Amino acid sequence: QVQLVESGGGLVQAGDSLRLSCAASGRTFSPYAMGWFRQAPGKEREFVATITWSGGNTYYADSVKGRFTISRDRAKNTVYLQMNSLKPEDTAVYYCAAKSADYGLTMSASYNYWGQGTQVTVSS
């Protein structure tokens, strides 16, 4: 079994930075990729960033490219999301997720495991 726990969310002002962490627990943890998604009230869950576990290849949504950086520490079973130059439109609940299959890297439906979510609020 795999359990994911996010941390690091909070309230910040536009232009500030925040770093989210997601720690995975499980006797054997070897996903194909881990990523971050976000969901604002009344909106669909959208892709933010993902990283392949073995090779460390990264992929970003156009809306966050150049501002956010995803990374992982395989020894700690942890994935991070460094968020810089935050905007009010980044306000959402952020979820980390892990997947086993090697397809649909940007699609939420292709991820097997999900964290509980952490709130990120950016004020103007």
PDB file of N, CA and C in Angstrom:
ATOM      1  N   GLN A   1       0.836  -1.191   0.000  1.00  0.00           N
ATOM      2  CA  GLN A   1       0.000   0.000   0.000  1.00  0.00           C
ATOM      3  C   GLN A   1       0.879   1.252   0.000  1.00  0.00           C
ATOM      4  N   VAL A   2       0.376   2.302  -0.634  1.00  0.00           N
ATOM      5  CA  VAL A   2       1.081   3.567  -0.721  1.00  0.00           C
ATOM      6  C   VAL A   2       0.204   4.670  -0.147  1.00  0.00           C
ATOM      7  N   GLN A   3       0.804   5.499   0.685  1.00  0.00           N
ATOM      8  CA  GLN A   3       0.117   6.653   1.241  1.00  0.00           C
ATOM      9  C   GLN A   3       0.957   7.902   0.997  1.00  0.00           C
ATOM     10  N   LEU A   4       0.310   8.969   0.537  1.00  0.00           N
ATOM     11  CA  LEU A   4       0.991  10.220   0.240  1.00  0.00           C
ATOM     12  C   LEU A   4       0.501  11.316   1.174  1.00  0.00           C
ATOM     13  N   VAL A   5       1.432  12.096   1.716  1.00  0.00           N
ATOM     14  CA  VAL A   5       1.092  13.176   2.631  1.00  0.00           C
ATOM     15  C   VAL A   5       1.784  14.455   2.195  1.00  0.00           C
ATOM     16  N   GLU A   6       0.984  15.490   1.873  1.00  0.00           N
ATOM     17  CA  GLU A   6       1.527  16.782   1.468  1.00  0.00           C
ATOM     18  C   GLU A   6       1.726  17.696   2.667  1.00  0.00           C
ATOM     19  N   SER A   7       2.619  18.670   2.496  1.00  0.00           N
ATOM     20  CA  SER A   7       2.826  19.701   3.496  1.00  0.00           C
ATOM     21  C   SER A   7       3.416  20.926   2.817  1.00  0.00           C
ATOM     22  N   GLY A   8       3.356  22.069   3.492  1.00  0.00           N
ATOM     23  CA  GLY A   8       3.986  23.277   2.996  1.00  0.00           C
ATOM     24  C   GLY A   8       3.055  24.338   2.461  1.00  0.00           C
ATOM     25  N   GLY A   9       1.765  24.058   2.394  1.00  0.00           N
ATOM     26  CA  GLY A   9       0.820  25.049   1.917  1.00  0.00           C
ATOM     27  C   GLY A   9       0.651  26.179   2.912  1.00  0.00           C
ATOM     28  N   GLY A  10       0.005  27.257   2.465  1.00  0.00           N
ATOM     29  CA  GLY A  10      -0.215  28.389   3.339  1.00  0.00           C
ATOM     30  C   GLY A  10      -0.715  29.607   2.591  1.00  0.00           C
ATOM     31  N   LEU A  11      -0.718  30.733   3.298  1.00  0.00           N
ATOM     32  CA  LEU A  11      -1.170  32.005   2.749  1.00  0.00           C
ATOM     33  C   LEU A  11       0.036  32.901   2.496  1.00  0.00           C
ATOM     34  N   VAL A  12       0.174  33.368   1.256  1.00  0.00           N
ATOM     35  CA  VAL A  12       1.279  34.249   0.881  1.00  0.00           C
ATOM     36  C   VAL A  12       0.759  35.378   0.005  1.00  0.00           C
ATOM     37  N   GLN A  13       1.606  36.376  -0.197  1.00  0.00           N
ATOM     38  CA  GLN A  13       1.270  37.488  -1.071  1.00  0.00           C
ATOM     39  C   GLN A  13       1.798  37.249  -2.477  1.00  0.00           C
ATOM     40  N   ALA A  14       1.184  37.892  -3.450  1.00  0.00           N
ATOM     41  CA  ALA A  14       1.638  37.786  -4.831  1.00  0.00           C
ATOM     42  C   ALA A  14       3.117  38.136  -4.930  1.00  0.00           C
ATOM     43  N   GLY A  15       3.850  37.322  -5.676  1.00  0.00           N
ATOM     44  CA  GLY A  15       5.279  37.513  -5.833  1.00  0.00           C
ATOM     45  C   GLY A  15       6.120  36.700  -4.878  1.00  0.00           C
ATOM     46  N   ASP A  16       5.501  36.149  -3.843  1.00  0.00           N
ATOM     47  CA  ASP A  16       6.227  35.349  -2.859  1.00  0.00           C
ATOM     48  C   ASP A  16       6.474  33.929  -3.360  1.00  0.00           C
ATOM     49  N   SER A  17       7.194  33.158  -2.559  1.00  0.00           N
ATOM     50  CA  SER A  17       7.527  31.784  -2.887  1.00  0.00           C
ATOM     51  C   SER A  17       7.027  30.828  -1.822  1.00  0.00           C
ATOM     52  N   LEU A  18       6.861  29.589  -2.220  1.00  0.00           N
ATOM     53  CA  LEU A  18       6.404  28.542  -1.326  1.00  0.00           C
ATOM     54  C   LEU A  18       6.962  27.219  -1.831  1.00  0.00           C
ATOM     55  N   ARG A  19       7.276  26.312  -0.922  1.00  0.00           N
ATOM     56  CA  ARG A  19       7.726  24.986  -1.325  1.00  0.00           C
ATOM     57  C   ARG A  19       6.836  23.915  -0.715  1.00  0.00           C
ATOM     58  N   LEU A  20       6.250  23.108  -1.566  1.00  0.00           N
ATOM     59  CA  LEU A  20       5.417  22.000  -1.136  1.00  0.00           C
ATOM     60  C   LEU A  20       6.225  20.708  -1.109  1.00  0.00           C
ATOM     61  N   SER A  21       5.909  19.846  -0.155  1.00  0.00           N
ATOM     62  CA  SER A  21       6.549  18.546  -0.053  1.00  0.00           C
ATOM     63  C   SER A  21       5.489  17.463  -0.030  1.00  0.00           C
ATOM     64  N   CYS A  22       5.839  16.296  -0.534  1.00  0.00           N
ATOM     65  CA  CYS A  22       4.941  15.148  -0.503  1.00  0.00           C
ATOM     66  C   CYS A  22       5.763  13.912  -0.202  1.00  0.00           C
ATOM     67  N   ALA A  23       5.509  13.318   0.952  1.00  0.00           N
ATOM     68  CA  ALA A  23       6.226  12.123   1.374  1.00  0.00           C
ATOM     69  C   ALA A  23       5.367  10.888   1.164  1.00  0.00           C
ATOM     70  N   ALA A  24       5.963   9.865   0.594  1.00  0.00           N
ATOM     71  CA  ALA A  24       5.267   8.615   0.324  1.00  0.00           C
ATOM     72  C   ALA A  24       5.712   7.537   1.303  1.00  0.00           C
ATOM     73  N   SER A  25       4.762   6.758   1.767  1.00  0.00           N
ATOM     74  CA  SER A  25       5.066   5.634   2.643  1.00  0.00           C
ATOM     75  C   SER A  25       4.623   4.343   1.973  1.00  0.00           C
ATOM     76  N   GLY A  26       5.374   3.285   2.217  1.00  0.00           N
ATOM     77  CA  GLY A  26       5.076   1.995   1.624  1.00  0.00           C
ATOM     78  C   GLY A  26       6.305   1.113   1.656  1.00  0.00           C
ATOM     79  N   ARG A  27       6.076  -0.162   1.790  1.00  0.00           N
ATOM     80  CA  ARG A  27       7.203  -1.088   1.883  1.00  0.00           C
ATOM     81  C   ARG A  27       8.018  -1.112   0.596  1.00  0.00           C
ATOM     82  N   THR A  28       7.332  -1.111  -0.517  1.00  0.00           N
ATOM     83  CA  THR A  28       7.991  -1.028  -1.812  1.00  0.00           C
ATOM     84  C   THR A  28       7.390   0.133  -2.584  1.00  0.00           C
ATOM     85  N   PHE A  29       8.204   1.151  -2.833  1.00  0.00           N
ATOM     86  CA  PHE A  29       7.741   2.329  -3.538  1.00  0.00           C
ATOM     87  C   PHE A  29       8.614   2.561  -4.765  1.00  0.00           C
ATOM     88  N   SER A  30       8.049   2.313  -5.922  1.00  0.00           N
ATOM     89  CA  SER A  30       8.768   2.511  -7.177  1.00  0.00           C
ATOM     90  C   SER A  30       7.784   2.909  -8.275  1.00  0.00           C
ATOM     91  N   PRO A  31       7.260   4.143  -8.215  1.00  0.00           N
ATOM     92  CA  PRO A  31       6.303   4.593  -9.219  1.00  0.00           C
ATOM     93  C   PRO A  31       6.994   4.931 -10.523  1.00  0.00           C
ATOM     94  N   TYR A  32       6.210   5.044 -11.580  1.00  0.00           N
ATOM     95  CA  TYR A  32       6.768   5.514 -12.836  1.00  0.00           C
ATOM     96  C   TYR A  32       7.009   7.018 -12.758  1.00  0.00           C
ATOM     97  N   ALA A  33       6.071   7.733 -12.108  1.00  0.00           N
ATOM     98  CA  ALA A  33       6.192   9.173 -11.983  1.00  0.00           C
ATOM     99  C   ALA A  33       5.399   9.669 -10.779  1.00  0.00           C
ATOM    100  N   MET A  34       5.796  10.827 -10.270  1.00  0.00           N
ATOM    101  CA  MET A  34       5.031  11.535  -9.260  1.00  0.00           C
ATOM    102  C   MET A  34       4.808  12.957  -9.736  1.00  0.00           C
ATOM    103  N   GLY A  35       3.633  13.482  -9.441  1.00  0.00           N
ATOM    104  CA  GLY A  35       3.317  14.807  -9.935  1.00  0.00           C
ATOM    105  C   GLY A  35       2.439  15.611  -9.004  1.00  0.00           C
ATOM    106  N   TRP A  36       2.165  16.831  -9.431  1.00  0.00           N
ATOM    107  CA  TRP A  36       1.310  17.750  -8.697  1.00  0.00           C
ATOM    108  C   TRP A  36       0.160  18.212  -9.567  1.00  0.00           C
ATOM    109  N   PHE A  37      -1.030  18.229  -8.981  1.00  0.00           N
ATOM    110  CA  PHE A  37      -2.231  18.755  -9.606  1.00  0.00           C
ATOM    111  C   PHE A  37      -2.844  19.778  -8.665  1.00  0.00           C
ATOM    112  N   ARG A  38      -3.707  20.628  -9.189  1.00  0.00           N
ATOM    113  CA  ARG A  38      -4.369  21.607  -8.335  1.00  0.00           C
ATOM    114  C   ARG A  38      -5.819  21.769  -8.761  1.00  0.00           C
ATOM    115  N   GLN A  39      -6.651  22.185  -7.806  1.00  0.00           N
ATOM    116  CA  GLN A  39      -8.064  22.370  -8.072  1.00  0.00           C
ATOM    117  C   GLN A  39      -8.589  23.577  -7.306  1.00  0.00           C
ATOM    118  N   ALA A  40      -9.128  24.531  -8.042  1.00  0.00           N
ATOM    119  CA  ALA A  40      -9.767  25.697  -7.461  1.00  0.00           C
ATOM    120  C   ALA A  40     -11.264  25.438  -7.361  1.00  0.00           C
ATOM    121  N   PRO A  41     -11.974  26.122  -6.452  1.00  0.00           N
ATOM    122  CA  PRO A  41     -13.412  25.917  -6.306  1.00  0.00           C
ATOM    123  C   PRO A  41     -14.161  26.126  -7.619  1.00  0.00           C
ATOM    124  N   GLY A  42     -15.014  25.172  -7.973  1.00  0.00           N
ATOM    125  CA  GLY A  42     -15.800  25.265  -9.190  1.00  0.00           C
ATOM    126  C   GLY A  42     -15.044  24.936 -10.461  1.00  0.00           C
ATOM    127  N   LYS A  43     -13.779  24.552 -10.343  1.00  0.00           N
ATOM    128  CA  LYS A  43     -12.965  24.240 -11.506  1.00  0.00           C
ATOM    129  C   LYS A  43     -12.562  22.770 -11.507  1.00  0.00           C
ATOM    130  N   GLU A  44     -12.205  22.270 -12.670  1.00  0.00           N
ATOM    131  CA  GLU A  44     -11.704  20.909 -12.772  1.00  0.00           C
ATOM    132  C   GLU A  44     -10.277  20.836 -12.258  1.00  0.00           C
ATOM    133  N   ARG A  45      -9.896  19.661 -11.796  1.00  0.00           N
ATOM    134  CA  ARG A  45      -8.524  19.455 -11.377  1.00  0.00           C
ATOM    135  C   ARG A  45      -7.605  19.556 -12.592  1.00  0.00           C
ATOM    136  N   GLU A  46      -6.524  20.311 -12.466  1.00  0.00           N
ATOM    137  CA  GLU A  46      -5.635  20.519 -13.589  1.00  0.00           C
ATOM    138  C   GLU A  46      -4.202  20.109 -13.275  1.00  0.00           C
ATOM    139  N   PHE A  47      -3.517  19.709 -14.304  1.00  0.00           N
ATOM    140  CA  PHE A  47      -2.129  19.304 -14.213  1.00  0.00           C
ATOM    141  C   PHE A  47      -1.230  20.492 -13.935  1.00  0.00           C
ATOM    142  N   VAL A  48      -0.239  20.298 -13.069  1.00  0.00           N
ATOM    143  CA  VAL A  48       0.726  21.342 -12.749  1.00  0.00           C
ATOM    144  C   VAL A  48       2.127  20.938 -13.197  1.00  0.00           C
ATOM    145  N   ALA A  49       2.611  19.814 -12.681  1.00  0.00           N
ATOM    146  CA  ALA A  49       3.960  19.351 -13.009  1.00  0.00           C
ATOM    147  C   ALA A  49       4.098  17.884 -12.651  1.00  0.00           C
ATOM    148  N   THR A  50       5.023  17.199 -13.300  1.00  0.00           N
ATOM    149  CA  THR A  50       5.291  15.805 -12.973  1.00  0.00           C
ATOM    150  C   THR A  50       6.755  15.495 -13.250  1.00  0.00           C
ATOM    151  N   ILE A  51       7.243  14.439 -12.626  1.00  0.00           N
ATOM    152  CA  ILE A  51       8.631  14.025 -12.795  1.00  0.00           C
ATOM    153  C   ILE A  51       8.702  12.509 -12.817  1.00  0.00           C
ATOM    154  N   THR A  52       9.416  11.947 -13.779  1.00  0.00           N
ATOM    155  CA  THR A  52       9.586  10.502 -13.808  1.00  0.00           C
ATOM    156  C   THR A  52      10.546  10.097 -12.704  1.00  0.00           C
ATOM    157  N   TRP A  53      10.224   8.987 -12.035  1.00  0.00           N
ATOM    158  CA  TRP A  53      10.953   8.616 -10.838  1.00  0.00           C
ATOM    159  C   TRP A  53      12.372   8.153 -11.107  1.00  0.00           C
ATOM    160  N   SER A  54      12.545   7.411 -12.161  1.00  0.00           N
ATOM    161  CA  SER A  54      13.860   6.864 -12.477  1.00  0.00           C
ATOM    162  C   SER A  54      14.757   7.877 -13.175  1.00  0.00           C
ATOM    163  N   GLY A  55      14.264   8.454 -14.254  1.00  0.00           N
ATOM    164  CA  GLY A  55      15.092   9.338 -15.057  1.00  0.00           C
ATOM    165  C   GLY A  55      15.091  10.797 -14.644  1.00  0.00           C
ATOM    166  N   GLY A  56      14.078  11.219 -13.884  1.00  0.00           N
ATOM    167  CA  GLY A  56      14.002  12.610 -13.460  1.00  0.00           C
ATOM    168  C   GLY A  56      13.575  13.572 -14.555  1.00  0.00           C
ATOM    169  N   ASN A  57      12.911  13.071 -15.590  1.00  0.00           N
ATOM    170  CA  ASN A  57      12.402  13.943 -16.641  1.00  0.00           C
ATOM    171  C   ASN A  57      11.204  14.732 -16.130  1.00  0.00           C
ATOM    172  N   THR A  58      11.181  16.019 -16.401  1.00  0.00           N
ATOM    173  CA  THR A  58      10.136  16.895 -15.878  1.00  0.00           C
ATOM    174  C   THR A  58       9.242  17.444 -16.975  1.00  0.00           C
ATOM    175  N   TYR A  59       7.986  17.700 -16.604  1.00  0.00           N
ATOM    176  CA  TYR A  59       6.995  18.259 -17.510  1.00  0.00           C
ATOM    177  C   TYR A  59       6.153  19.261 -16.728  1.00  0.00           C
ATOM    178  N   TYR A  60       5.836  20.394 -17.363  1.00  0.00           N
ATOM    179  CA  TYR A  60       5.120  21.466 -16.689  1.00  0.00           C
ATOM    180  C   TYR A  60       3.947  21.969 -17.515  1.00  0.00           C
ATOM    181  N   ALA A  61       2.911  22.411 -16.823  1.00  0.00           N
ATOM    182  CA  ALA A  61       1.831  23.120 -17.482  1.00  0.00           C
ATOM    183  C   ALA A  61       2.351  24.477 -17.945  1.00  0.00           C
ATOM    184  N   ASP A  62       1.825  24.961 -19.068  1.00  0.00           N
ATOM    185  CA  ASP A  62       2.271  26.248 -19.592  1.00  0.00           C
ATOM    186  C   ASP A  62       2.085  27.385 -18.582  1.00  0.00           C
ATOM    187  N   SER A  63       1.055  27.295 -17.764  1.00  0.00           N
ATOM    188  CA  SER A  63       0.739  28.353 -16.820  1.00  0.00           C
ATOM    189  C   SER A  63       1.770  28.513 -15.705  1.00  0.00           C
ATOM    190  N   VAL A  64       2.585  27.485 -15.463  1.00  0.00           N
ATOM    191  CA  VAL A  64       3.564  27.546 -14.380  1.00  0.00           C
ATOM    192  C   VAL A  64       4.999  27.447 -14.869  1.00  0.00           C
ATOM    193  N   LYS A  65       5.186  27.210 -16.143  1.00  0.00           N
ATOM    194  CA  LYS A  65       6.518  27.048 -16.707  1.00  0.00           C
ATOM    195  C   LYS A  65       7.359  28.301 -16.460  1.00  0.00           C
ATOM    196  N   GLY A  66       8.563  28.102 -15.942  1.00  0.00           N
ATOM    197  CA  GLY A  66       9.442  29.215 -15.638  1.00  0.00           C
ATOM    198  C   GLY A  66       9.298  29.742 -14.231  1.00  0.00           C
ATOM    199  N   ARG A  67       8.233  29.356 -13.537  1.00  0.00           N
ATOM    200  CA  ARG A  67       7.997  29.801 -12.165  1.00  0.00           C
ATOM    201  C   ARG A  67       8.088  28.662 -11.154  1.00  0.00           C
ATOM    202  N   PHE A  68       7.622  27.483 -11.539  1.00  0.00           N
ATOM    203  CA  PHE A  68       7.608  26.328 -10.637  1.00  0.00           C
ATOM    204  C   PHE A  68       8.696  25.337 -11.034  1.00  0.00           C
ATOM    205  N   THR A  69       9.230  24.628 -10.048  1.00  0.00           N
ATOM    206  CA  THR A  69      10.216  23.588 -10.291  1.00  0.00           C
ATOM    207  C   THR A  69       9.861  22.347  -9.480  1.00  0.00           C
ATOM    208  N   ILE A  70       9.763  21.215 -10.153  1.00  0.00           N
ATOM    209  CA  ILE A  70       9.492  19.959  -9.468  1.00  0.00           C
ATOM    210  C   ILE A  70      10.795  19.178  -9.331  1.00  0.00           C
ATOM    211  N   SER A  71      10.966  18.508  -8.203  1.00  0.00           N
ATOM    212  CA  SER A  71      12.149  17.695  -7.961  1.00  0.00           C
ATOM    213  C   SER A  71      11.775  16.526  -7.061  1.00  0.00           C
ATOM    214  N   ARG A  72      12.684  15.559  -6.957  1.00  0.00           N
ATOM    215  CA  ARG A  72      12.399  14.420  -6.086  1.00  0.00           C
ATOM    216  C   ARG A  72      13.665  13.945  -5.396  1.00  0.00           C
ATOM    217  N   ASP A  73      13.475  13.309  -4.249  1.00  0.00           N
ATOM    218  CA  ASP A  73      14.539  12.675  -3.489  1.00  0.00           C
ATOM    219  C   ASP A  73      14.127  11.217  -3.327  1.00  0.00           C
ATOM    220  N   ARG A  74      14.693  10.363  -4.140  1.00  0.00           N
ATOM    221  CA  ARG A  74      14.288   8.965  -4.139  1.00  0.00           C
ATOM    222  C   ARG A  74      14.614   8.257  -2.824  1.00  0.00           C
ATOM    223  N   ALA A  75      15.700   8.646  -2.174  1.00  0.00           N
ATOM    224  CA  ALA A  75      16.071   8.038  -0.902  1.00  0.00           C
ATOM    225  C   ALA A  75      15.043   8.335   0.183  1.00  0.00           C
ATOM    226  N   LYS A  76      14.375   9.483   0.079  1.00  0.00           N
ATOM    227  CA  LYS A  76      13.374   9.888   1.059  1.00  0.00           C
ATOM    228  C   LYS A  76      11.945   9.649   0.589  1.00  0.00           C
ATOM    229  N   ASN A  77      11.784   9.092  -0.606  1.00  0.00           N
ATOM    230  CA  ASN A  77      10.452   8.871  -1.184  1.00  0.00           C
ATOM    231  C   ASN A  77       9.626  10.157  -1.154  1.00  0.00           C
ATOM    232  N   THR A  78      10.249  11.246  -1.560  1.00  0.00           N
ATOM    233  CA  THR A  78       9.629  12.555  -1.451  1.00  0.00           C
ATOM    234  C   THR A  78       9.740  13.335  -2.755  1.00  0.00           C
ATOM    235  N   VAL A  79       8.665  14.039  -3.091  1.00  0.00           N
ATOM    236  CA  VAL A  79       8.659  14.929  -4.240  1.00  0.00           C
ATOM    237  C   VAL A  79       8.382  16.348  -3.742  1.00  0.00           C
ATOM    238  N   TYR A  80       8.991  17.334  -4.400  1.00  0.00           N
ATOM    239  CA  TYR A  80       8.859  18.728  -3.996  1.00  0.00           C
ATOM    240  C   TYR A  80       8.327  19.569  -5.150  1.00  0.00           C
ATOM    241  N   LEU A  81       7.691  20.671  -4.797  1.00  0.00           N
ATOM    242  CA  LEU A  81       7.280  21.657  -5.782  1.00  0.00           C
ATOM    243  C   LEU A  81       7.678  23.034  -5.269  1.00  0.00           C
ATOM    244  N   GLN A  82       8.711  23.599  -5.876  1.00  0.00           N
ATOM    245  CA  GLN A  82       9.144  24.947  -5.540  1.00  0.00           C
ATOM    246  C   GLN A  82       8.354  25.930  -6.387  1.00  0.00           C
ATOM    247  N   MET A  83       7.605  26.807  -5.737  1.00  0.00           N
ATOM    248  CA  MET A  83       6.744  27.754  -6.431  1.00  0.00           C
ATOM    249  C   MET A  83       7.251  29.167  -6.188  1.00  0.00           C
ATOM    250  N   ASN A  84       7.682  29.823  -7.254  1.00  0.00           N
ATOM    251  CA  ASN A  84       8.173  31.193  -7.185  1.00  0.00           C
ATOM    252  C   ASN A  84       7.243  32.124  -7.952  1.00  0.00           C
ATOM    253  N   SER A  85       7.358  33.414  -7.674  1.00  0.00           N
ATOM    254  CA  SER A  85       6.554  34.433  -8.354  1.00  0.00           C
ATOM    255  C   SER A  85       5.077  34.065  -8.363  1.00  0.00           C
ATOM    256  N   LEU A  86       4.560  33.710  -7.216  1.00  0.00           N
ATOM    257  CA  LEU A  86       3.176  33.259  -7.113  1.00  0.00           C
ATOM    258  C   LEU A  86       2.189  34.359  -7.482  1.00  0.00           C
ATOM    259  N   LYS A  87       1.111  33.951  -8.126  1.00  0.00           N
ATOM    260  CA  LYS A  87       0.046  34.842  -8.561  1.00  0.00           C
ATOM    261  C   LYS A  87      -1.265  34.435  -7.905  1.00  0.00           C
ATOM    262  N   PRO A  88      -2.218  35.367  -7.778  1.00  0.00           N
ATOM    263  CA  PRO A  88      -3.525  35.006  -7.216  1.00  0.00           C
ATOM    264  C   PRO A  88      -4.188  33.841  -7.943  1.00  0.00           C
ATOM    265  N   GLU A  89      -3.967  33.711  -9.237  1.00  0.00           N
ATOM    266  CA  GLU A  89      -4.543  32.620 -10.011  1.00  0.00           C
ATOM    267  C   GLU A  89      -3.965  31.257  -9.655  1.00  0.00           C
ATOM    268  N   ASP A  90      -2.887  31.231  -8.869  1.00  0.00           N
ATOM    269  CA  ASP A  90      -2.322  29.972  -8.391  1.00  0.00           C
ATOM    270  C   ASP A  90      -3.065  29.435  -7.172  1.00  0.00           C
ATOM    271  N   THR A  91      -3.978  30.214  -6.626  1.00  0.00           N
ATOM    272  CA  THR A  91      -4.741  29.800  -5.454  1.00  0.00           C
ATOM    273  C   THR A  91      -5.553  28.546  -5.764  1.00  0.00           C
ATOM    274  N   ALA A  92      -5.351  27.505  -4.968  1.00  0.00           N
ATOM    275  CA  ALA A  92      -6.032  26.231  -5.186  1.00  0.00           C
ATOM    276  C   ALA A  92      -5.617  25.254  -4.098  1.00  0.00           C
ATOM    277  N   VAL A  93      -6.293  24.116  -4.062  1.00  0.00           N
ATOM    278  CA  VAL A  93      -5.821  22.993  -3.269  1.00  0.00           C
ATOM    279  C   VAL A  93      -4.863  22.206  -4.151  1.00  0.00           C
ATOM    280  N   TYR A  94      -3.671  21.972  -3.650  1.00  0.00           N
ATOM    281  CA  TYR A  94      -2.652  21.255  -4.402  1.00  0.00           C
ATOM    282  C   TYR A  94      -2.562  19.817  -3.922  1.00  0.00           C
ATOM    283  N   TYR A  95      -2.588  18.887  -4.866  1.00  0.00           N
ATOM    284  CA  TYR A  95      -2.524  17.468  -4.574  1.00  0.00           C
ATOM    285  C   TYR A  95      -1.283  16.850  -5.200  1.00  0.00           C
ATOM    286  N   CYS A  96      -0.596  15.996  -4.457  1.00  0.00           N
ATOM    287  CA  CYS A  96       0.456  15.204  -5.066  1.00  0.00           C
ATOM    288  C   CYS A  96      -0.114  13.842  -5.421  1.00  0.00           C
ATOM    289  N   ALA A  97       0.465  13.212  -6.422  1.00  0.00           N
ATOM    290  CA  ALA A  97      -0.040  11.942  -6.910  1.00  0.00           C
ATOM    291  C   ALA A  97       1.094  11.100  -7.467  1.00  0.00           C
ATOM    292  N   ALA A  98       0.880   9.798  -7.480  1.00  0.00           N
ATOM    293  CA  ALA A  98       1.852   8.858  -8.018  1.00  0.00           C
ATOM    294  C   ALA A  98       1.159   7.922  -8.994  1.00  0.00           C
ATOM    295  N   LYS A  99       1.899   7.489 -10.009  1.00  0.00           N
ATOM    296  CA  LYS A  99       1.341   6.586 -10.993  1.00  0.00           C
ATOM    297  C   LYS A  99       2.284   5.454 -11.326  1.00  0.00           C
ATOM    298  N   SER A 100       1.716   4.337 -11.742  1.00  0.00           N
ATOM    299  CA  SER A 100       2.496   3.158 -12.108  1.00  0.00           C
ATOM    300  C   SER A 100       2.672   3.022 -13.618  1.00  0.00           C
ATOM    301  N   ALA A 101       1.675   3.424 -14.380  1.00  0.00           N
ATOM    302  CA  ALA A 101       1.703   3.276 -15.827  1.00  0.00           C
ATOM    303  C   ALA A 101       2.555   4.353 -16.482  1.00  0.00           C
ATOM    304  N   ASP A 102       3.106   4.006 -17.657  1.00  0.00           N
ATOM    305  CA  ASP A 102       3.998   4.917 -18.367  1.00  0.00           C
ATOM    306  C   ASP A 102       3.285   5.681 -19.482  1.00  0.00           C
ATOM    307  N   TYR A 103       2.061   6.048 -19.247  1.00  0.00           N
ATOM    308  CA  TYR A 103       1.291   6.833 -20.199  1.00  0.00           C
ATOM    309  C   TYR A 103       0.428   7.839 -19.454  1.00  0.00           C
ATOM    310  N   GLY A 104      -0.075   8.828 -20.157  1.00  0.00           N
ATOM    311  CA  GLY A 104      -0.970   9.811 -19.567  1.00  0.00           C
ATOM    312  C   GLY A 104      -0.340  10.624 -18.455  1.00  0.00           C
ATOM    313  N   LEU A 105       0.866  11.078 -18.659  1.00  0.00           N
ATOM    314  CA  LEU A 105       1.629  11.767 -17.626  1.00  0.00           C
ATOM    315  C   LEU A 105       0.962  13.047 -17.117  1.00  0.00           C
ATOM    316  N   THR A 106       0.184  13.705 -17.952  1.00  0.00           N
ATOM    317  CA  THR A 106      -0.458  14.959 -17.564  1.00  0.00           C
ATOM    318  C   THR A 106      -1.935  14.797 -17.232  1.00  0.00           C
ATOM    319  N   MET A 107      -2.427  13.565 -17.196  1.00  0.00           N
ATOM    320  CA  MET A 107      -3.843  13.316 -16.958  1.00  0.00           C
ATOM    321  C   MET A 107      -4.073  12.772 -15.549  1.00  0.00           C
ATOM    322  N   SER A 108      -4.926  13.440 -14.796  1.00  0.00           N
ATOM    323  CA  SER A 108      -5.177  13.043 -13.418  1.00  0.00           C
ATOM    324  C   SER A 108      -5.738  11.630 -13.304  1.00  0.00           C
ATOM    325  N   ALA A 109      -6.541  11.213 -14.281  1.00  0.00           N
ATOM    326  CA  ALA A 109      -7.172   9.900 -14.244  1.00  0.00           C
ATOM    327  C   ALA A 109      -6.167   8.761 -14.357  1.00  0.00           C
ATOM    328  N   SER A 110      -4.965   9.047 -14.801  1.00  0.00           N
ATOM    329  CA  SER A 110      -3.954   8.009 -14.964  1.00  0.00           C
ATOM    330  C   SER A 110      -3.115   7.786 -13.706  1.00  0.00           C
ATOM    331  N   TYR A 111      -3.335   8.567 -12.663  1.00  0.00           N
ATOM    332  CA  TYR A 111      -2.587   8.436 -11.416  1.00  0.00           C
ATOM    333  C   TYR A 111      -3.327   7.544 -10.429  1.00  0.00           C
ATOM    334  N   ASN A 112      -2.599   6.634  -9.780  1.00  0.00           N
ATOM    335  CA  ASN A 112      -3.174   5.640  -8.878  1.00  0.00           C
ATOM    336  C   ASN A 112      -3.385   6.133  -7.461  1.00  0.00           C
ATOM    337  N   TYR A 113      -2.433   6.892  -6.947  1.00  0.00           N
ATOM    338  CA  TYR A 113      -2.429   7.277  -5.543  1.00  0.00           C
ATOM    339  C   TYR A 113      -2.437   8.783  -5.391  1.00  0.00           C
ATOM    340  N   TRP A 114      -3.172   9.251  -4.375  1.00  0.00           N
ATOM    341  CA  TRP A 114      -3.339  10.685  -4.161  1.00  0.00           C
ATOM    342  C   TRP A 114      -3.165  11.067  -2.700  1.00  0.00           C
ATOM    343  N   GLY A 115      -2.599  12.239  -2.475  1.00  0.00           N
ATOM    344  CA  GLY A 115      -2.512  12.786  -1.139  1.00  0.00           C
ATOM    345  C   GLY A 115      -3.807  13.470  -0.759  1.00  0.00           C
ATOM    346  N   GLN A 116      -3.853  14.001   0.451  1.00  0.00           N
ATOM    347  CA  GLN A 116      -5.067  14.629   0.967  1.00  0.00           C
ATOM    348  C   GLN A 116      -5.263  16.058   0.471  1.00  0.00           C
ATOM    349  N   GLY A 117      -4.217  16.663  -0.056  1.00  0.00           N
ATOM    350  CA  GLY A 117      -4.282  18.020  -0.550  1.00  0.00           C
ATOM    351  C   GLY A 117      -3.822  19.036   0.481  1.00  0.00           C
ATOM    352  N   THR A 118      -3.236  20.122   0.003  1.00  0.00           N
ATOM    353  CA  THR A 118      -2.816  21.214   0.873  1.00  0.00           C
ATOM    354  C   THR A 118      -3.212  22.538   0.223  1.00  0.00           C
ATOM    355  N   GLN A 119      -3.777  23.435   1.019  1.00  0.00           N
ATOM    356  CA  GLN A 119      -4.302  24.698   0.505  1.00  0.00           C
ATOM    357  C   GLN A 119      -3.187  25.708   0.273  1.00  0.00           C
ATOM    358  N   VAL A 120      -3.188  26.306  -0.910  1.00  0.00           N
ATOM    359  CA  VAL A 120      -2.286  27.408  -1.233  1.00  0.00           C
ATOM    360  C   VAL A 120      -3.145  28.610  -1.596  1.00  0.00           C
ATOM    361  N   THR A 121      -2.979  29.696  -0.854  1.00  0.00           N
ATOM    362  CA  THR A 121      -3.741  30.915  -1.109  1.00  0.00           C
ATOM    363  C   THR A 121      -2.781  32.069  -1.359  1.00  0.00           C
ATOM    364  N   VAL A 122      -2.959  32.746  -2.484  1.00  0.00           N
ATOM    365  CA  VAL A 122      -2.098  33.865  -2.863  1.00  0.00           C
ATOM    366  C   VAL A 122      -2.944  35.127  -2.921  1.00  0.00           C
ATOM    367  N   SER A 123      -2.641  36.083  -2.073  1.00  0.00           N
ATOM    368  CA  SER A 123      -3.381  37.335  -2.031  1.00  0.00           C
ATOM    369  C   SER A 123      -2.694  38.393  -2.882  1.00  0.00           C
ATOM    370  N   SER A 124      -3.476  39.337  -3.390  1.00  0.00           N
ATOM    371  CA  SER A 124      -2.941  40.404  -4.223  1.00  0.00           C
ATOM    372  C   SER A 124      -2.654  41.651  -3.410  1.00  0.00           C
TER     373      SER A 124
END
